[in-house]
Structure formats: structure tokens, C-alpha cells
Amino acid sequence: MNEKRNEIRLTKDQASAILYSWLGLKTPCTGIERLGGFYGAVHRLTFERPPYTAIVKLHSGQDDSLGRERECLRFLRERTSMPIPAVYHFDASASAIPYSFLVMECMPGVNLESARLTESQRVSVERELADVLIELHSFTAQTFHGVTEPAGATNWLDVFLPALEENRRDMEALLSDDMLELLDKVLPLAEHALRCHGEPTLIHSDLWSANIMVQEREGDWHLSGVLDPGGLRYAEVEMELSYLEVFKTVGQEFFRVYTARRPLRPGYHYRRLFYWLDTFMTHIWLGFGPKYQLRLAATCKKILAMSREHGPAGEL
């Protein structure tokens, strides 16, 4: 896994240096709002020149994660109708400030996590999200790989199982012996369950409520932006659908619209559990609290129950 969270503080002088690097004019920053960010930091800047506001992402590591995100944003804006932020500026030189930074369009509205919409208010958002993902998932490739990477494996198990095994190794000092024993009963079932996989399909790979922007217009809520596609890659599409469900980002209306054009393959509700295990282990490693250990245990038990009832592939 990557290194854990790296806190980055942005001063007004640094923000003004970013604006000068981008706009080529001395432009004082009038406001800085920290929006989050885990491996780096994300801020909203305000200033007194068009476009008056922008999002800046900062990164202090040696990898080119912001450069990859820039390419992913450009890929989606050029080839899809997905509402993706425009890239304004990118600088990895660390000459203006001691970080790499990516300056992007500030998308309208609020993120879905903050909006806390009722079920009826979510209907239009879920329909529109289903439409853009149907379009995104129409892109396929010959191998499983990131869009900024060379061609990769043709067998999904060669990609996902090593990642699952790496996550398991990271659990050694974080879970009880009983929990590790339960996990070790379940993980060997993944190979059989996932052996019949779909073709390499373009997925966002980090689509949850904080990365989905919504806006109220004319008394209804609508999708206004999709953020953070830095992990854009060709993968098993069920990985994306499972991630949308694990945090209850979408509900029945999304799947009604989505599956009308892209039906789920038999056994999906069993296979998704292995992707949930991967997500829970990642969040345990990141230190997000005991609730993920409880969910990990519950998912392991559900896998064992389904494998006994329907066989190791979990098919009904």
C-alpha cells in the first residue's frame, strides 16, 4: 500500500504563488478552505480574478499521482460526457512551493455526502449517475491496466488476488487471532468465486458520496460533478458496482436504470463480498476505526454461509 496520510498546510503566500504560477499575474489569494485529502491535501482558493475560485490539490511524495490524475481528467473530458473538472494548471517542479500541485475547476454544488438527500431527492441524481456510468463502462480494453499505464494482465485474478493477499499481510498486526483465522478461511474462496470474470472495463475506481457533486436546480437535485478519477483503469466492472454499494452511495433507482442496459451477471451478490473485504481491509489499515473490523467479520461470515448454501461460486 501507499504511505499513510501526509498532512500538508497551505499558507496564503503559498496559495498566491500557485495563482501566479498559473495565471502569470500577481494575484493575492483572498480565501483558503481546506476540503480534505488523504495522501496530500485539497483546498478551495478564492481570488479577485476570473474564474475567482479554483480547487488545488497538493502532493509531497515522489510519485506522479497528480500527473496521473491530470491525464485521467483529460481522458474523461475528451472522450465522455461525464461532468469532470477542467484542468487549469499542473506543476511538479516544486519551484513555486515545496509541493507538486494540480489546479482544477471548482464544480458547482456540494458533495453527496454533505447534501444528505432524502430517498426521493436522490432519484434524479441516481438516474443521472447511472447514465454516466453506463457510458463510462462502455469503454473496454484487451487487458487490465490503468489508463496511464501500459497493457497489463488478461486474467483478472492475476490483478486482484495479489492485491487481496497484500491487504491480508497488512492485517497481521491489526486484527485479533480469531479475526485473522476467519479471514484465512474466506480468502481462498476468492479464486473460485472470481474465476469467471468480465472483460477489462473502464471504471472510476473511487466513486463514493464525497466524490459525487450534486446541485439543486428548479426544485430538484441533479448530478453536477464527478471528482477524483486518478485511479481510472480497465478492471472488472463489478469492482465499481460493489464499491458503490459498500458505503450505500447508490440505491435501487441507480441499479434499476443501470441494469436495464447492463444486466448483472448471475452470482454478483456473492462476488461483491470479496471486493467489500478488500475495501474493509484497506480502511482498517488506514486507521478508520473498529466499525470496519465489525463489517469485515460480518462479510466473512456471509461469504461462508453463501458458499455452503450455493457452492464456492455462490451462484443461486
Protein backbone atom coordinates (compact mmCIF):
# COMPACT_ATOMS: atom_id res chain seq x y z
CA MET A 1 0.00 0.00 0.00
CA ASN A 2 0.94 3.65 -0.20
CA GLU A 3 2.27 5.58 2.78
CA LYS A 4 -0.35 6.74 5.23
CA ARG A 5 -1.74 10.23 5.49
CA ASN A 6 0.61 13.13 4.99
CA GLU A 7 -0.67 16.44 6.36
CA ILE A 8 0.10 19.47 4.20
CA ARG A 9 -0.56 23.04 5.32
CA LEU A 10 -1.05 25.76 2.71
CA THR A 11 -0.30 29.36 3.62
CA LYS A 12 -1.73 32.40 1.85
CA ASP A 13 1.70 33.25 0.46
CA GLN A 14 1.97 29.73 -1.00
CA ALA A 15 -1.54 29.98 -2.41
CA SER A 16 -0.66 33.31 -4.05
CA ALA A 17 2.47 31.68 -5.51
CA ILE A 18 0.28 28.94 -7.01
CA LEU A 19 -2.01 31.56 -8.55
CA TYR A 20 0.97 33.43 -10.02
CA SER A 21 2.38 30.21 -11.47
CA TRP A 22 -0.97 29.53 -13.12
CA LEU A 23 -2.23 32.98 -14.14
CA GLY A 24 1.12 34.70 -14.76
CA LEU A 25 -0.11 37.71 -12.80
CA LYS A 26 0.33 38.77 -9.20
CA THR A 27 -2.95 37.58 -7.72
CA PRO A 28 -3.39 37.64 -3.94
CA CYS A 29 -5.37 34.74 -2.51
CA THR A 30 -8.34 36.06 -0.54
CA GLY A 31 -9.53 32.75 0.90
CA ILE A 32 -8.36 29.20 1.56
CA GLU A 33 -10.77 26.45 2.52
CA ARG A 34 -9.40 23.01 3.39
CA LEU A 35 -11.63 20.39 1.77
CA GLY A 36 -9.80 17.23 2.78
CA GLY A 37 -7.39 14.90 1.07
CA PHE A 38 -5.66 11.86 2.47
CA TYR A 39 -2.29 11.38 0.80
CA GLY A 40 -1.95 15.09 0.15
CA ALA A 41 -4.38 17.96 0.63
CA VAL A 42 -7.25 19.58 -1.25
CA HIS A 43 -8.13 23.28 -0.89
CA ARG A 44 -10.58 25.69 -2.47
CA LEU A 45 -8.93 29.02 -3.28
CA THR A 46 -10.75 32.30 -3.85
CA PHE A 47 -9.20 35.33 -5.55
CA GLU A 48 -10.22 38.51 -7.38
CA ARG A 49 -9.66 37.46 -10.99
CA PRO A 50 -11.67 35.16 -13.26
CA PRO A 51 -12.58 32.40 -12.60
CA TYR A 52 -12.48 33.70 -8.98
CA THR A 53 -12.29 30.25 -7.44
CA ALA A 54 -10.36 27.02 -8.09
CA ILE A 55 -9.50 23.73 -6.45
CA VAL A 56 -5.85 22.96 -5.77
CA LYS A 57 -4.52 19.53 -4.88
CA LEU A 58 -1.11 19.29 -3.23
CA HIS A 59 1.22 16.31 -3.01
CA SER A 60 4.56 15.98 -1.30
CA GLY A 61 5.51 12.44 -2.35
CA GLN A 62 7.90 11.30 -5.03
CA ASP A 63 5.29 9.51 -7.16
CA ASP A 64 3.47 11.20 -10.03
CA SER A 65 -0.05 10.76 -8.64
CA LEU A 66 -1.15 14.30 -9.59
CA GLY A 67 0.29 13.92 -13.07
CA ARG A 68 -1.70 10.71 -13.50
CA GLU A 69 -4.84 12.42 -12.24
CA ARG A 70 -4.35 15.23 -14.75
CA GLU A 71 -4.19 12.69 -17.57
CA CYS A 72 -7.26 10.86 -16.27
CA LEU A 73 -9.23 14.11 -16.09
CA ARG A 74 -8.24 15.00 -19.64
CA PHE A 75 -9.12 11.50 -20.86
CA LEU A 76 -12.63 11.72 -19.43
CA ARG A 77 -13.30 15.28 -20.59
CA GLU A 78 -12.19 14.48 -24.12
CA ARG A 79 -13.98 11.15 -24.52
CA THR A 80 -17.06 11.17 -22.30
CA SER A 81 -19.93 13.43 -21.26
CA MET A 82 -19.17 12.85 -17.57
CA PRO A 83 -19.15 16.17 -15.65
CA ILE A 84 -15.44 16.28 -14.83
CA PRO A 85 -13.44 19.32 -13.62
CA ALA A 86 -11.32 21.12 -16.19
CA VAL A 87 -7.57 21.10 -15.56
CA TYR A 88 -6.24 24.63 -15.25
CA HIS A 89 -2.58 24.10 -14.34
CA PHE A 90 -0.12 21.46 -13.16
CA ASP A 91 3.35 21.94 -11.69
CA ALA A 92 5.56 19.15 -10.39
CA SER A 93 8.75 21.22 -10.24
CA ALA A 94 8.39 22.26 -6.55
CA SER A 95 9.78 25.66 -7.59
CA ALA A 96 6.77 27.84 -6.69
CA ILE A 97 6.04 25.95 -3.45
CA PRO A 98 7.66 22.81 -1.96
CA TYR A 99 4.89 20.56 -3.31
CA SER A 100 3.53 19.32 -6.60
CA PHE A 101 0.14 20.89 -7.31
CA LEU A 102 -2.80 20.49 -9.65
CA VAL A 103 -5.23 23.38 -10.16
CA MET A 104 -8.73 22.47 -11.34
CA GLU A 105 -12.17 23.85 -11.95
CA CYS A 106 -14.40 24.19 -8.89
CA MET A 107 -17.53 22.17 -9.71
CA PRO A 108 -20.91 23.63 -8.70
CA GLY A 109 -22.98 22.37 -5.78
CA VAL A 110 -21.99 20.25 -2.79
CA ASN A 111 -20.83 16.68 -2.48
CA LEU A 112 -23.44 13.99 -1.99
CA GLU A 113 -22.11 13.18 1.47
CA SER A 114 -22.73 16.74 2.67
CA ALA A 115 -26.08 17.09 0.90
CA ARG A 116 -27.73 14.25 2.90
CA LEU A 117 -30.64 13.95 0.49
CA THR A 118 -33.83 12.06 1.20
CA GLU A 119 -34.61 8.97 -0.87
CA SER A 120 -36.99 10.92 -3.08
CA GLN A 121 -34.45 13.73 -3.58
CA ARG A 122 -31.84 11.21 -4.70
CA VAL A 123 -33.90 9.79 -7.58
CA SER A 124 -32.71 12.19 -10.30
CA VAL A 125 -29.11 12.03 -9.06
CA GLU A 126 -29.08 8.22 -9.17
CA ARG A 127 -30.61 8.15 -12.66
CA GLU A 128 -28.04 10.63 -13.98
CA LEU A 129 -25.18 8.79 -12.27
CA ALA A 130 -26.35 5.53 -13.82
CA ASP A 131 -26.38 7.16 -17.26
CA VAL A 132 -22.81 8.48 -16.99
CA LEU A 133 -21.53 5.15 -15.67
CA ILE A 134 -23.24 3.24 -18.45
CA GLU A 135 -21.27 5.47 -20.81
CA LEU A 136 -18.02 5.08 -18.86
CA HIS A 137 -18.40 1.31 -18.67
CA SER A 138 -18.88 1.11 -22.44
CA PHE A 139 -15.11 1.60 -22.83
CA THR A 140 -13.22 -1.69 -22.83
CA ALA A 141 -9.67 -2.89 -23.46
CA GLN A 142 -7.76 -6.09 -24.10
CA THR A 143 -6.01 -6.12 -20.72
CA PHE A 144 -6.50 -4.94 -17.15
CA HIS A 145 -4.43 -1.80 -16.56
CA GLY A 146 -4.56 1.87 -15.55
CA VAL A 147 -5.26 4.32 -18.38
CA THR A 148 -1.83 5.91 -17.87
CA GLU A 149 -0.09 2.52 -17.74
CA PRO A 150 0.99 0.03 -20.42
CA ALA A 151 -1.06 -3.06 -21.21
CA GLY A 152 -1.34 -5.49 -18.34
CA ALA A 153 -2.77 -8.91 -17.48
CA THR A 154 -5.59 -10.62 -19.37
CA ASN A 155 -6.74 -12.58 -16.31
CA TRP A 156 -8.45 -10.50 -13.60
CA LEU A 157 -7.30 -12.94 -10.91
CA ASP A 158 -3.70 -12.04 -11.71
CA VAL A 159 -4.54 -8.45 -10.78
CA PHE A 160 -6.99 -8.70 -7.91
CA LEU A 161 -5.77 -11.72 -5.95
CA PRO A 162 -2.25 -10.31 -5.34
CA ALA A 163 -3.83 -7.06 -4.10
CA LEU A 164 -6.12 -9.03 -1.80
CA GLU A 165 -3.17 -11.02 -0.47
CA GLU A 166 -1.16 -7.85 0.15
CA ASN A 167 -4.05 -6.42 2.14
CA ARG A 168 -4.19 -9.63 4.18
CA ARG A 169 -0.48 -9.33 5.05
CA ASP A 170 -1.08 -5.78 6.25
CA MET A 171 -3.72 -7.08 8.69
CA GLU A 172 -1.24 -9.21 10.66
CA ALA A 173 -0.71 -6.72 13.49
CA LEU A 174 -4.13 -5.04 13.23
CA LEU A 175 -6.62 -7.88 13.75
CA SER A 176 -7.16 -10.41 16.52
CA ASP A 177 -6.06 -14.02 16.03
CA ASP A 178 -9.71 -15.08 15.78
CA MET A 179 -10.39 -12.48 13.09
CA LEU A 180 -7.29 -13.47 11.13
CA GLU A 181 -8.35 -17.12 11.32
CA LEU A 182 -11.81 -16.24 9.99
CA LEU A 183 -10.29 -14.17 7.19
CA ASP A 184 -7.98 -17.03 6.24
CA LYS A 185 -10.96 -19.35 5.86
CA VAL A 186 -12.60 -16.96 3.43
CA LEU A 187 -9.84 -15.58 1.22
CA PRO A 188 -9.07 -18.91 -0.54
CA LEU A 189 -12.67 -18.89 -1.82
CA ALA A 190 -11.98 -15.74 -3.89
CA GLU A 191 -10.10 -17.59 -6.63
CA HIS A 192 -13.03 -19.86 -7.45
CA ALA A 193 -15.68 -17.17 -6.99
CA LEU A 194 -13.97 -14.67 -9.31
CA ARG A 195 -12.55 -17.03 -11.91
CA CYS A 196 -15.31 -16.23 -14.44
CA HIS A 197 -14.75 -12.50 -14.79
CA GLY A 198 -15.89 -9.89 -17.27
CA GLU A 199 -13.78 -8.09 -19.85
CA PRO A 200 -11.48 -5.19 -18.88
CA THR A 201 -13.89 -2.27 -18.44
CA LEU A 202 -13.15 1.38 -17.74
CA ILE A 203 -14.02 2.26 -14.12
CA HIS A 204 -13.58 5.36 -11.98
CA SER A 205 -12.48 3.12 -9.04
CA ASP A 206 -13.10 5.60 -6.17
CA LEU A 207 -16.72 6.55 -6.66
CA TRP A 208 -18.43 7.31 -3.35
CA SER A 209 -20.53 10.15 -1.98
CA ALA A 210 -17.64 12.55 -1.27
CA ASN A 211 -16.56 12.34 -4.92
CA ILE A 212 -20.03 12.98 -6.35
CA MET A 213 -21.18 16.59 -6.64
CA VAL A 214 -24.88 17.47 -6.67
CA GLN A 215 -26.77 20.71 -7.16
CA GLU A 216 -30.35 21.79 -6.58
CA ARG A 217 -31.97 23.30 -9.68
CA GLU A 218 -35.65 24.15 -10.17
CA GLY A 219 -36.72 22.24 -7.09
CA ASP A 220 -34.87 19.02 -7.93
CA TRP A 221 -31.38 17.67 -7.25
CA HIS A 222 -29.04 16.77 -10.11
CA LEU A 223 -25.57 15.36 -10.66
CA SER A 224 -23.18 18.28 -11.16
CA GLY A 225 -19.73 16.73 -10.98
CA VAL A 226 -17.62 13.61 -10.56
CA LEU A 227 -14.31 14.09 -8.76
CA ASP A 228 -11.00 12.28 -8.17
CA PRO A 229 -10.71 9.91 -11.15
CA GLY A 230 -6.97 9.45 -10.54
CA GLY A 231 -7.46 5.69 -10.32
CA LEU A 232 -9.17 5.46 -13.71
CA ARG A 233 -8.46 1.99 -15.08
CA TYR A 234 -9.67 -1.01 -17.00
CA ALA A 235 -10.85 -3.50 -14.40
CA GLU A 236 -13.64 -5.94 -13.58
CA VAL A 237 -16.72 -3.69 -13.63
CA GLU A 238 -18.21 -5.47 -10.62
CA MET A 239 -15.46 -3.88 -8.53
CA GLU A 240 -17.00 -0.46 -9.26
CA LEU A 241 -20.57 -1.59 -8.63
CA SER A 242 -19.54 -3.24 -5.37
CA TYR A 243 -17.81 -0.06 -4.21
CA LEU A 244 -20.94 1.95 -4.95
CA GLU A 245 -22.87 -0.38 -2.66
CA VAL A 246 -20.41 -0.87 0.20
CA PHE A 247 -20.98 2.68 1.54
CA LYS A 248 -24.59 2.87 0.31
CA THR A 249 -23.64 5.54 -2.24
CA VAL A 250 -26.43 4.36 -4.54
CA GLY A 251 -29.70 2.50 -4.10
CA GLN A 252 -32.45 0.79 -6.05
CA GLU A 253 -33.06 3.57 -8.57
CA PHE A 254 -29.44 3.53 -9.72
CA PHE A 255 -29.49 -0.23 -10.26
CA ARG A 256 -32.90 -0.13 -11.93
CA VAL A 257 -31.58 2.27 -14.60
CA TYR A 258 -28.13 0.71 -14.84
CA THR A 259 -29.19 -2.93 -15.11
CA ALA A 260 -31.86 -2.16 -17.70
CA ARG A 261 -28.94 -1.64 -20.11
CA ARG A 262 -26.14 -3.55 -18.38
CA PRO A 263 -27.63 -6.57 -16.56
CA LEU A 264 -25.72 -8.02 -13.62
CA ARG A 265 -24.16 -11.42 -14.17
CA PRO A 266 -25.52 -14.28 -12.04
CA GLY A 267 -23.65 -14.56 -8.74
CA TYR A 268 -22.83 -10.84 -8.46
CA HIS A 269 -24.26 -10.54 -4.94
CA TYR A 270 -21.79 -13.17 -3.76
CA ARG A 271 -18.77 -11.91 -5.71
CA ARG A 272 -19.26 -8.34 -4.47
CA LEU A 273 -18.48 -9.54 -0.95
CA PHE A 274 -14.84 -10.21 -1.86
CA TYR A 275 -14.48 -6.63 -3.10
CA TRP A 276 -16.02 -5.49 0.17
CA LEU A 277 -13.37 -7.45 2.06
CA ASP A 278 -10.70 -5.60 0.10
CA THR A 279 -12.30 -2.24 0.93
CA PHE A 280 -12.68 -3.03 4.64
CA MET A 281 -9.09 -4.22 4.99
CA THR A 282 -7.84 -1.06 3.29
CA HIS A 283 -9.85 1.13 5.68
CA ILE A 284 -8.64 -0.84 8.71
CA TRP A 285 -5.04 -0.31 7.58
CA LEU A 286 -5.72 3.40 7.13
CA GLY A 287 -6.91 3.59 10.75
CA PHE A 288 -10.57 4.42 10.24
CA GLY A 289 -11.80 2.64 13.35
CA PRO A 290 -13.28 -0.62 14.65
CA LYS A 291 -16.51 -0.40 12.67
CA TYR A 292 -14.67 -1.76 9.64
CA GLN A 293 -13.46 -4.72 11.67
CA LEU A 294 -17.08 -5.49 12.52
CA ARG A 295 -18.08 -5.21 8.87
CA LEU A 296 -15.12 -7.35 7.83
CA ALA A 297 -16.19 -10.09 10.25
CA ALA A 298 -19.83 -9.92 9.15
CA THR A 299 -18.84 -10.13 5.47
CA CYS A 300 -16.58 -13.13 6.11
CA LYS A 301 -19.44 -14.95 7.82
CA LYS A 302 -21.80 -14.10 4.97
CA ILE A 303 -19.34 -15.46 2.41
CA LEU A 304 -19.02 -18.71 4.34
CA ALA A 305 -22.80 -19.05 4.63
CA MET A 306 -23.36 -18.37 0.92
CA SER A 307 -20.56 -20.73 -0.12
CA ARG A 308 -22.11 -23.55 1.94
CA GLU A 309 -25.59 -22.91 0.59
CA HIS A 310 -24.80 -22.30 -3.07
CA GLY A 311 -21.32 -23.73 -3.58
CA PRO A 312 -17.92 -21.97 -3.73
CA ALA A 313 -19.03 -19.77 -6.64
CA GLY A 314 -22.02 -18.52 -4.64
CA GLU A 315 -24.34 -18.95 -7.61
CA LEU A 316 -28.03 -19.27 -6.97
